[in-house]
Amino acid sequence: MNWNTNGRLIDLSKKSEVMGILNVTPDSFSDGGRYDSLVSAMEHARKMISEGAAIIDIGGESTRPGSSEVEEAEEISRTLPVIEALRKEWSGLISIDTKKAGVAAAALEAGADIVNDVSGLTSDPQMTSVCVGSQCGIVVMHMRGKPNNMQIHPEYEDVVSEIRQFFKERLETLTKLGIQSDRICFDPGIGFGKSLDHNLTLLKNLDRLAPAGRPVLLGVSRKSLFSKICGTENPADRDMPTAALTALARRQNVMLHRVHNVKGNLAALRAAESLLDS
């Protein structure tokens, strides 16, 4: 299984990869404001790279439950300096976490390789055109509703089947519009318009979600579900249970993991892989 990101193939046949989260926002749920200057953002990016991150995912708008959208110009002003600075000193993969076509276009022009869209390329009608005109990798995530209302009584008849159908439709639509299938991976959107039961059901069925041959990217890092199942209210205290779910997900052939703590999650993945390969 490969993921084509801006002409570079990530081989996901045996070894999983980690995407390090870099929020350059004042209000993200876990680390809002910690990396909202260029100096602090670059220091954290370098730390995650030194710990083994293959991808740095840069976001300029919080998508935590209840959050409000920021203007496109503001999102660009937060993310572009970091992308430009990181591209000058690192040849690895850079992802832009946005659902706005203008932000994605500016990020790709500045050197980003991946567009990570929490709306699955459904929020902005121009996003598909931006991606068609690029060779970027694409993360299609599932989200029910919008961040400001997604956790208000989310309902599904069959959460696994509905998300699987959403991914099937997205793959068919995007490939018909000119996006090669090997550029697409899928994120079930844990915590994005799902109850705890929905999340747990999805985590038990990760190997059933994506269309055949396409990778899944999992983002459970420090999510609020851990406060419900472990009693850990402080997001920073959720790294150990995150690593546990990361390792378990690897047993379901989830090969891409979006995390805050790169070192711990990568160690969990390599430990799991040592048993899978034996």
C-alpha atoms as a PDB file:
ATOM      1  CA  MET A   1       0.000   0.000   0.000  1.00  0.00           C
ATOM      2  CA  ASN A   2       1.404   3.393  -1.044  1.00  0.00           C
ATOM      3  CA  TRP A   3       0.306   6.972  -0.488  1.00  0.00           C
ATOM      4  CA  ASN A   4       1.357   9.409  -3.211  1.00  0.00           C
ATOM      5  CA  THR A   5       2.133  12.796  -1.661  1.00  0.00           C
ATOM      6  CA  ASN A   6       3.295  15.404  -4.136  1.00  0.00           C
ATOM      7  CA  GLY A   7       5.035  12.794  -6.274  1.00  0.00           C
ATOM      8  CA  ARG A   8       6.657  11.004  -3.347  1.00  0.00           C
ATOM      9  CA  LEU A   9       5.389   7.549  -2.494  1.00  0.00           C
ATOM     10  CA  ILE A  10       5.083   6.630   1.170  1.00  0.00           C
ATOM     11  CA  ASP A  11       5.453   2.863   1.417  1.00  0.00           C
ATOM     12  CA  LEU A  12       2.904   1.681   3.980  1.00  0.00           C
ATOM     13  CA  SER A  13       3.169  -2.023   3.259  1.00  0.00           C
ATOM     14  CA  LYS A  14       4.915  -2.891   6.539  1.00  0.00           C
ATOM     15  CA  LYS A  15       5.997   0.188   8.476  1.00  0.00           C
ATOM     16  CA  SER A  16       3.545   2.751   9.813  1.00  0.00           C
ATOM     17  CA  GLU A  17       4.289   6.478   9.902  1.00  0.00           C
ATOM     18  CA  VAL A  18       3.539   9.302  12.321  1.00  0.00           C
ATOM     19  CA  MET A  19       2.145  12.723  11.499  1.00  0.00           C
ATOM     20  CA  GLY A  20       3.130  15.251  14.157  1.00  0.00           C
ATOM     21  CA  ILE A  21       0.527  17.869  15.107  1.00  0.00           C
ATOM     22  CA  LEU A  22       1.600  21.519  15.028  1.00  0.00           C
ATOM     23  CA  ASN A  23      -1.245  23.840  15.995  1.00  0.00           C
ATOM     24  CA  VAL A  24      -0.354  27.490  15.422  1.00  0.00           C
ATOM     25  CA  THR A  25      -3.588  28.688  16.998  1.00  0.00           C
ATOM     26  CA  PRO A  26      -4.459  30.436  20.257  1.00  0.00           C
ATOM     27  CA  ASP A  27      -7.373  28.108  21.067  1.00  0.00           C
ATOM     28  CA  SER A  28      -6.674  24.470  20.149  1.00  0.00           C
ATOM     29  CA  PHE A  29      -7.961  22.057  22.784  1.00  0.00           C
ATOM     30  CA  SER A  30      -4.587  20.575  23.786  1.00  0.00           C
ATOM     31  CA  ASP A  31      -1.873  23.120  23.114  1.00  0.00           C
ATOM     32  CA  GLY A  32      -3.584  26.338  22.045  1.00  0.00           C
ATOM     33  CA  GLY A  33      -1.184  29.287  22.217  1.00  0.00           C
ATOM     34  CA  ARG A  34       1.953  27.257  22.922  1.00  0.00           C
ATOM     35  CA  TYR A  35       3.194  27.395  19.322  1.00  0.00           C
ATOM     36  CA  ASP A  36       1.562  30.538  17.939  1.00  0.00           C
ATOM     37  CA  SER A  37       4.882  32.311  17.329  1.00  0.00           C
ATOM     38  CA  LEU A  38       7.252  31.353  14.534  1.00  0.00           C
ATOM     39  CA  VAL A  39      10.078  30.655  16.976  1.00  0.00           C
ATOM     40  CA  SER A  40       8.077  28.324  19.223  1.00  0.00           C
ATOM     41  CA  ALA A  41       6.413  26.619  16.249  1.00  0.00           C
ATOM     42  CA  MET A  42       9.738  25.876  14.606  1.00  0.00           C
ATOM     43  CA  GLU A  43      11.240  24.605  17.852  1.00  0.00           C
ATOM     44  CA  HIS A  44       8.369  22.177  18.264  1.00  0.00           C
ATOM     45  CA  ALA A  45       8.508  21.079  14.615  1.00  0.00           C
ATOM     46  CA  ARG A  46      12.220  20.326  14.957  1.00  0.00           C
ATOM     47  CA  LYS A  47      11.552  18.341  18.145  1.00  0.00           C
ATOM     48  CA  MET A  48       8.899  16.193  16.450  1.00  0.00           C
ATOM     49  CA  ILE A  49      11.149  15.628  13.441  1.00  0.00           C
ATOM     50  CA  SER A  50      14.029  14.552  15.694  1.00  0.00           C
ATOM     51  CA  GLU A  51      11.660  12.061  17.352  1.00  0.00           C
ATOM     52  CA  GLY A  52      10.755  10.466  14.035  1.00  0.00           C
ATOM     53  CA  ALA A  53       7.768  12.299  12.551  1.00  0.00           C
ATOM     54  CA  ALA A  54       7.534  11.683   8.805  1.00  0.00           C
ATOM     55  CA  ILE A  55       4.914  14.416   8.375  1.00  0.00           C
ATOM     56  CA  ILE A  56       4.331  17.725  10.149  1.00  0.00           C
ATOM     57  CA  ASP A  57       0.664  18.765  10.055  1.00  0.00           C
ATOM     58  CA  ILE A  58       0.269  22.526  10.454  1.00  0.00           C
ATOM     59  CA  GLY A  59      -3.104  23.977  11.411  1.00  0.00           C
ATOM     60  CA  GLY A  60      -4.180  27.585  11.812  1.00  0.00           C
ATOM     61  CA  GLU A  61      -7.810  27.087  12.845  1.00  0.00           C
ATOM     62  CA  SER A  62      -9.035  25.126  15.830  1.00  0.00           C
ATOM     63  CA  THR A  63     -11.623  22.447  15.060  1.00  0.00           C
ATOM     64  CA  ARG A  64     -12.293  21.489  18.673  1.00  0.00           C
ATOM     65  CA  PRO A  65     -15.988  21.053  19.572  1.00  0.00           C
ATOM     66  CA  GLY A  66     -17.678  24.439  19.844  1.00  0.00           C
ATOM     67  CA  SER A  67     -14.949  26.348  18.046  1.00  0.00           C
ATOM     68  CA  SER A  68     -15.692  29.147  15.575  1.00  0.00           C
ATOM     69  CA  GLU A  69     -14.170  29.656  12.142  1.00  0.00           C
ATOM     70  CA  VAL A  70     -11.444  32.220  11.544  1.00  0.00           C
ATOM     71  CA  GLU A  71     -11.090  34.353   8.451  1.00  0.00           C
ATOM     72  CA  GLU A  72      -9.101  32.913   5.568  1.00  0.00           C
ATOM     73  CA  ALA A  73      -6.542  35.718   5.686  1.00  0.00           C
ATOM     74  CA  GLU A  74      -5.941  35.120   9.385  1.00  0.00           C
ATOM     75  CA  GLU A  75      -5.502  31.396   8.868  1.00  0.00           C
ATOM     76  CA  ILE A  76      -2.985  32.058   6.091  1.00  0.00           C
ATOM     77  CA  SER A  77      -1.072  34.552   8.220  1.00  0.00           C
ATOM     78  CA  ARG A  78      -0.752  31.964  10.993  1.00  0.00           C
ATOM     79  CA  THR A  79       0.351  29.026   8.856  1.00  0.00           C
ATOM     80  CA  LEU A  80       2.289  30.356   5.887  1.00  0.00           C
ATOM     81  CA  PRO A  81       5.378  31.669   7.750  1.00  0.00           C
ATOM     82  CA  VAL A  82       5.773  28.290   9.464  1.00  0.00           C
ATOM     83  CA  ILE A  83       5.407  26.336   6.226  1.00  0.00           C
ATOM     84  CA  GLU A  84       7.915  28.577   4.452  1.00  0.00           C
ATOM     85  CA  ALA A  85      10.447  28.384   7.277  1.00  0.00           C
ATOM     86  CA  LEU A  86      10.094  24.626   7.681  1.00  0.00           C
ATOM     87  CA  ARG A  87      10.382  24.020   3.938  1.00  0.00           C
ATOM     88  CA  LYS A  88      13.683  25.904   3.855  1.00  0.00           C
ATOM     89  CA  GLU A  89      15.338  23.551   6.331  1.00  0.00           C
ATOM     90  CA  TRP A  90      13.521  20.211   5.988  1.00  0.00           C
ATOM     91  CA  SER A  91      12.852  17.969   3.007  1.00  0.00           C
ATOM     92  CA  GLY A  92      10.197  15.877   4.756  1.00  0.00           C
ATOM     93  CA  LEU A  93       6.459  16.013   4.235  1.00  0.00           C
ATOM     94  CA  ILE A  94       4.437  19.057   5.273  1.00  0.00           C
ATOM     95  CA  SER A  95       0.661  18.926   5.643  1.00  0.00           C
ATOM     96  CA  ILE A  96      -1.776  21.839   5.860  1.00  0.00           C
ATOM     97  CA  ASP A  97      -4.761  21.180   8.118  1.00  0.00           C
ATOM     98  CA  THR A  98      -7.518  23.284   6.559  1.00  0.00           C
ATOM     99  CA  LYS A  99     -10.940  23.121   4.958  1.00  0.00           C
ATOM    100  CA  LYS A 100     -10.477  26.391   3.051  1.00  0.00           C
ATOM    101  CA  ALA A 101      -9.339  26.265  -0.581  1.00  0.00           C
ATOM    102  CA  GLY A 102      -7.511  29.588  -0.369  1.00  0.00           C
ATOM    103  CA  VAL A 103      -5.473  28.433   2.611  1.00  0.00           C
ATOM    104  CA  ALA A 104      -4.680  25.132   0.909  1.00  0.00           C
ATOM    105  CA  ALA A 105      -3.594  26.869  -2.294  1.00  0.00           C
ATOM    106  CA  ALA A 106      -1.308  29.267  -0.417  1.00  0.00           C
ATOM    107  CA  ALA A 107       0.173  26.403   1.623  1.00  0.00           C
ATOM    108  CA  LEU A 108       0.856  24.265  -1.444  1.00  0.00           C
ATOM    109  CA  GLU A 109       2.510  27.208  -3.173  1.00  0.00           C
ATOM    110  CA  ALA A 110       4.706  27.684  -0.083  1.00  0.00           C
ATOM    111  CA  GLY A 111       5.855  24.067  -0.164  1.00  0.00           C
ATOM    112  CA  ALA A 112       3.234  21.897   1.555  1.00  0.00           C
ATOM    113  CA  ASP A 113       2.781  18.366   0.240  1.00  0.00           C
ATOM    114  CA  ILE A 114      -0.552  17.290   1.772  1.00  0.00           C
ATOM    115  CA  VAL A 115      -3.998  18.815   2.276  1.00  0.00           C
ATOM    116  CA  ASN A 116      -5.701  17.502   5.416  1.00  0.00           C
ATOM    117  CA  ASP A 117      -9.359  18.542   5.178  1.00  0.00           C
ATOM    118  CA  VAL A 118     -11.615  17.743   8.144  1.00  0.00           C
ATOM    119  CA  SER A 119     -14.664  18.151   5.902  1.00  0.00           C
ATOM    120  CA  GLY A 120     -13.501  15.581   3.357  1.00  0.00           C
ATOM    121  CA  LEU A 121     -13.341  18.244   0.615  1.00  0.00           C
ATOM    122  CA  THR A 122     -17.019  19.105   1.081  1.00  0.00           C
ATOM    123  CA  SER A 123     -16.897  22.439   2.917  1.00  0.00           C
ATOM    124  CA  ASP A 124     -15.335  24.669   0.252  1.00  0.00           C
ATOM    125  CA  PRO A 125     -16.499  24.079  -3.353  1.00  0.00           C
ATOM    126  CA  GLN A 126     -13.118  25.258  -4.646  1.00  0.00           C
ATOM    127  CA  MET A 127     -11.056  22.776  -2.609  1.00  0.00           C
ATOM    128  CA  THR A 128     -11.381  19.988  -5.142  1.00  0.00           C
ATOM    129  CA  SER A 129     -10.117  22.270  -7.915  1.00  0.00           C
ATOM    130  CA  VAL A 130      -7.111  23.238  -5.824  1.00  0.00           C
ATOM    131  CA  CYS A 131      -6.265  19.587  -5.238  1.00  0.00           C
ATOM    132  CA  VAL A 132      -6.858  18.603  -8.871  1.00  0.00           C
ATOM    133  CA  GLY A 133      -4.395  21.291  -9.905  1.00  0.00           C
ATOM    134  CA  SER A 134      -1.750  19.890  -7.572  1.00  0.00           C
ATOM    135  CA  GLN A 135      -0.138  16.511  -6.992  1.00  0.00           C
ATOM    136  CA  CYS A 136      -0.641  16.806  -3.245  1.00  0.00           C
ATOM    137  CA  GLY A 137      -1.608  13.973  -0.974  1.00  0.00           C
ATOM    138  CA  ILE A 138      -5.114  14.336   0.448  1.00  0.00           C
ATOM    139  CA  VAL A 139      -6.623  13.345   3.785  1.00  0.00           C
ATOM    140  CA  VAL A 140     -10.385  12.899   3.471  1.00  0.00           C
ATOM    141  CA  MET A 141     -11.858  13.040   6.967  1.00  0.00           C
ATOM    142  CA  HIS A 142     -15.420  12.343   8.034  1.00  0.00           C
ATOM    143  CA  MET A 143     -17.190  14.936  10.163  1.00  0.00           C
ATOM    144  CA  ARG A 144     -20.906  15.081  10.941  1.00  0.00           C
ATOM    145  CA  GLY A 145     -21.894  18.742  11.148  1.00  0.00           C
ATOM    146  CA  LYS A 146     -19.449  21.556  11.826  1.00  0.00           C
ATOM    147  CA  PRO A 147     -17.069  22.085  14.762  1.00  0.00           C
ATOM    148  CA  ASN A 148     -19.460  24.545  16.420  1.00  0.00           C
ATOM    149  CA  ASN A 149     -22.347  22.047  16.466  1.00  0.00           C
ATOM    150  CA  MET A 150     -20.947  18.578  15.697  1.00  0.00           C
ATOM    151  CA  GLN A 151     -21.207  17.246  19.253  1.00  0.00           C
ATOM    152  CA  ILE A 152     -24.856  18.218  19.755  1.00  0.00           C
ATOM    153  CA  HIS A 153     -26.615  14.840  19.797  1.00  0.00           C
ATOM    154  CA  PRO A 154     -24.810  13.106  16.907  1.00  0.00           C
ATOM    155  CA  GLU A 155     -26.896  10.229  15.567  1.00  0.00           C
ATOM    156  CA  TYR A 156     -26.255   7.317  13.181  1.00  0.00           C
ATOM    157  CA  GLU A 157     -28.224   4.224  12.302  1.00  0.00           C
ATOM    158  CA  ASP A 158     -24.976   2.330  11.644  1.00  0.00           C
ATOM    159  CA  VAL A 159     -21.876   4.446  12.133  1.00  0.00           C
ATOM    160  CA  VAL A 160     -19.500   1.993  10.443  1.00  0.00           C
ATOM    161  CA  SER A 161     -21.652   1.546   7.346  1.00  0.00           C
ATOM    162  CA  GLU A 162     -22.382   5.260   7.033  1.00  0.00           C
ATOM    163  CA  ILE A 163     -18.747   6.300   7.212  1.00  0.00           C
ATOM    164  CA  ARG A 164     -17.711   3.500   4.880  1.00  0.00           C
ATOM    165  CA  GLN A 165     -20.324   4.735   2.378  1.00  0.00           C
ATOM    166  CA  PHE A 166     -19.101   8.326   2.759  1.00  0.00           C
ATOM    167  CA  PHE A 167     -15.546   7.242   1.952  1.00  0.00           C
ATOM    168  CA  LYS A 168     -16.746   5.207  -1.025  1.00  0.00           C
ATOM    169  CA  GLU A 169     -18.642   8.203  -2.405  1.00  0.00           C
ATOM    170  CA  ARG A 170     -15.707  10.539  -1.822  1.00  0.00           C
ATOM    171  CA  LEU A 171     -13.285   8.228  -3.620  1.00  0.00           C
ATOM    172  CA  GLU A 172     -15.600   7.811  -6.596  1.00  0.00           C
ATOM    173  CA  THR A 173     -16.355  11.528  -6.841  1.00  0.00           C
ATOM    174  CA  LEU A 174     -12.809  12.763  -6.427  1.00  0.00           C
ATOM    175  CA  THR A 175     -11.305  10.296  -8.877  1.00  0.00           C
ATOM    176  CA  LYS A 176     -13.932  11.207 -11.487  1.00  0.00           C
ATOM    177  CA  LEU A 177     -12.916  14.842 -11.042  1.00  0.00           C
ATOM    178  CA  GLY A 178      -9.269  14.037 -11.729  1.00  0.00           C
ATOM    179  CA  ILE A 179      -7.640  13.179  -8.402  1.00  0.00           C
ATOM    180  CA  GLN A 180      -5.694   9.920  -8.589  1.00  0.00           C
ATOM    181  CA  SER A 181      -6.840   7.383  -6.026  1.00  0.00           C
ATOM    182  CA  ASP A 182      -3.302   6.762  -4.727  1.00  0.00           C
ATOM    183  CA  ARG A 183      -3.192  10.373  -3.493  1.00  0.00           C
ATOM    184  CA  ILE A 184      -6.090   9.824  -1.090  1.00  0.00           C
ATOM    185  CA  CYS A 185      -6.167   8.462   2.457  1.00  0.00           C
ATOM    186  CA  PHE A 186      -9.119   8.390   4.852  1.00  0.00           C
ATOM    187  CA  ASP A 187      -9.613   9.547   8.443  1.00  0.00           C
ATOM    188  CA  PRO A 188     -12.755   8.386  10.308  1.00  0.00           C
ATOM    189  CA  GLY A 189     -12.782  11.612  12.343  1.00  0.00           C
ATOM    190  CA  ILE A 190     -12.789  10.255  15.882  1.00  0.00           C
ATOM    191  CA  GLY A 191     -14.532  12.864  18.040  1.00  0.00           C
ATOM    192  CA  PHE A 192     -15.910  14.819  15.090  1.00  0.00           C
ATOM    193  CA  GLY A 193     -19.673  14.461  15.339  1.00  0.00           C
ATOM    194  CA  LYS A 194     -19.565  11.157  17.225  1.00  0.00           C
ATOM    195  CA  SER A 195     -20.587  10.032  20.686  1.00  0.00           C
ATOM    196  CA  LEU A 196     -18.324   7.893  22.851  1.00  0.00           C
ATOM    197  CA  ASP A 197     -20.143   4.766  21.673  1.00  0.00           C
ATOM    198  CA  HIS A 198     -19.721   5.828  18.045  1.00  0.00           C
ATOM    199  CA  ASN A 199     -16.018   6.395  18.580  1.00  0.00           C
ATOM    200  CA  LEU A 200     -15.482   3.038  20.271  1.00  0.00           C
ATOM    201  CA  THR A 201     -17.417   1.231  17.546  1.00  0.00           C
ATOM    202  CA  LEU A 202     -15.260   2.855  14.882  1.00  0.00           C
ATOM    203  CA  LEU A 203     -12.069   1.996  16.767  1.00  0.00           C
ATOM    204  CA  LYS A 204     -13.137  -1.663  16.810  1.00  0.00           C
ATOM    205  CA  ASN A 205     -13.785  -1.606  13.053  1.00  0.00           C
ATOM    206  CA  LEU A 206     -10.979   0.486  11.587  1.00  0.00           C
ATOM    207  CA  ASP A 207     -10.063  -2.223   9.106  1.00  0.00           C
ATOM    208  CA  ARG A 208     -13.573  -2.069   7.593  1.00  0.00           C
ATOM    209  CA  LEU A 209     -13.765   1.630   6.790  1.00  0.00           C
ATOM    210  CA  ALA A 210     -11.537   2.617   3.874  1.00  0.00           C
ATOM    211  CA  PRO A 211     -12.034   1.506   0.264  1.00  0.00           C
ATOM    212  CA  ALA A 212      -9.778  -1.407  -0.673  1.00  0.00           C
ATOM    213  CA  GLY A 213      -6.147  -0.475  -1.043  1.00  0.00           C
ATOM    214  CA  ARG A 214      -6.393   2.964   0.550  1.00  0.00           C
ATOM    215  CA  PRO A 215      -4.790   3.768   3.903  1.00  0.00           C
ATOM    216  CA  VAL A 216      -6.480   4.989   7.066  1.00  0.00           C
ATOM    217  CA  LEU A 217      -5.099   7.873   9.080  1.00  0.00           C
ATOM    218  CA  LEU A 218      -6.123   7.767  12.746  1.00  0.00           C
ATOM    219  CA  GLY A 219      -6.324  10.828  14.970  1.00  0.00           C
ATOM    220  CA  VAL A 220      -7.154   9.912  18.566  1.00  0.00           C
ATOM    221  CA  SER A 221      -4.370  11.888  20.195  1.00  0.00           C
ATOM    222  CA  ARG A 222      -5.420  13.429  23.516  1.00  0.00           C
ATOM    223  CA  LYS A 223      -9.094  13.358  22.491  1.00  0.00           C
ATOM    224  CA  SER A 224     -11.839  13.938  25.052  1.00  0.00           C
ATOM    225  CA  LEU A 225     -12.936  10.305  24.833  1.00  0.00           C
ATOM    226  CA  PHE A 226     -10.033   9.549  27.193  1.00  0.00           C
ATOM    227  CA  SER A 227     -11.602  11.735  29.874  1.00  0.00           C
ATOM    228  CA  LYS A 228     -14.658   9.482  29.710  1.00  0.00           C
ATOM    229  CA  ILE A 229     -12.902   6.116  29.639  1.00  0.00           C
ATOM    230  CA  CYS A 230      -9.812   6.924  31.745  1.00  0.00           C
ATOM    231  CA  GLY A 231     -10.819   9.951  33.814  1.00  0.00           C
ATOM    232  CA  THR A 232      -7.932  12.017  32.429  1.00  0.00           C
ATOM    233  CA  GLU A 233      -9.139  15.613  32.241  1.00  0.00           C
ATOM    234  CA  ASN A 234      -5.760  17.173  31.391  1.00  0.00           C
ATOM    235  CA  PRO A 235      -5.032  16.597  27.680  1.00  0.00           C
ATOM    236  CA  ALA A 236      -1.314  16.217  28.411  1.00  0.00           C
ATOM    237  CA  ASP A 237      -2.111  13.207  30.636  1.00  0.00           C
ATOM    238  CA  ARG A 238      -3.725  11.358  27.715  1.00  0.00           C
ATOM    239  CA  ASP A 239      -0.529  10.425  25.887  1.00  0.00           C
ATOM    240  CA  MET A 240      -0.268   6.943  27.410  1.00  0.00           C
ATOM    241  CA  PRO A 241      -3.809   5.852  26.497  1.00  0.00           C
ATOM    242  CA  THR A 242      -3.291   7.435  23.080  1.00  0.00           C
ATOM    243  CA  ALA A 243      -0.233   5.243  22.528  1.00  0.00           C
ATOM    244  CA  ALA A 244      -2.223   2.193  23.625  1.00  0.00           C
ATOM    245  CA  LEU A 245      -4.916   2.837  21.024  1.00  0.00           C
ATOM    246  CA  THR A 246      -2.240   3.625  18.430  1.00  0.00           C
ATOM    247  CA  ALA A 247      -0.640   0.196  18.975  1.00  0.00           C
ATOM    248  CA  LEU A 248      -3.997  -1.584  18.896  1.00  0.00           C
ATOM    249  CA  ALA A 249      -4.979   0.227  15.705  1.00  0.00           C
ATOM    250  CA  ARG A 250      -1.764  -0.953  14.058  1.00  0.00           C
ATOM    251  CA  ARG A 251      -3.060  -4.507  14.501  1.00  0.00           C
ATOM    252  CA  GLN A 252      -5.940  -3.443  12.240  1.00  0.00           C
ATOM    253  CA  ASN A 253      -3.435  -2.249   9.606  1.00  0.00           C
ATOM    254  CA  VAL A 254      -3.841   1.432  10.371  1.00  0.00           C
ATOM    255  CA  MET A 255      -0.565   2.761   8.987  1.00  0.00           C
ATOM    256  CA  LEU A 256      -0.830   6.526   9.537  1.00  0.00           C
ATOM    257  CA  HIS A 257      -1.217   8.166  12.954  1.00  0.00           C
ATOM    258  CA  ARG A 258      -1.728  11.868  13.694  1.00  0.00           C
ATOM    259  CA  VAL A 259      -0.375  12.544  17.208  1.00  0.00           C
ATOM    260  CA  HIS A 260       0.928  15.171  19.599  1.00  0.00           C
ATOM    261  CA  ASN A 261       3.533  12.957  21.284  1.00  0.00           C
ATOM    262  CA  VAL A 262       5.613  11.595  18.424  1.00  0.00           C
ATOM    263  CA  LYS A 263       8.206   9.729  20.469  1.00  0.00           C
ATOM    264  CA  GLY A 264       5.781   7.707  22.589  1.00  0.00           C
ATOM    265  CA  ASN A 265       3.424   6.803  19.773  1.00  0.00           C
ATOM    266  CA  LEU A 266       6.211   5.822  17.402  1.00  0.00           C
ATOM    267  CA  ALA A 267       7.663   3.552  20.087  1.00  0.00           C
ATOM    268  CA  ALA A 268       4.245   1.941  20.569  1.00  0.00           C
ATOM    269  CA  LEU A 269       3.938   1.371  16.824  1.00  0.00           C
ATOM    270  CA  ARG A 270       7.369  -0.202  16.484  1.00  0.00           C
ATOM    271  CA  ALA A 271       6.682  -2.472  19.456  1.00  0.00           C
ATOM    272  CA  ALA A 272       3.401  -3.598  17.881  1.00  0.00           C
ATOM    273  CA  GLU A 273       5.091  -4.149  14.538  1.00  0.00           C
ATOM    274  CA  SER A 274       7.790  -6.313  16.107  1.00  0.00           C
ATOM    275  CA  LEU A 275       5.075  -8.756  17.146  1.00  0.00           C
ATOM    276  CA  LEU A 276       3.199  -8.561  13.856  1.00  0.00           C
ATOM    277  CA  ASP A 277       6.350  -9.329  11.902  1.00  0.00           C
ATOM    278  CA  SER A 278       7.396 -12.269  14.103  1.00  0.00           C
END
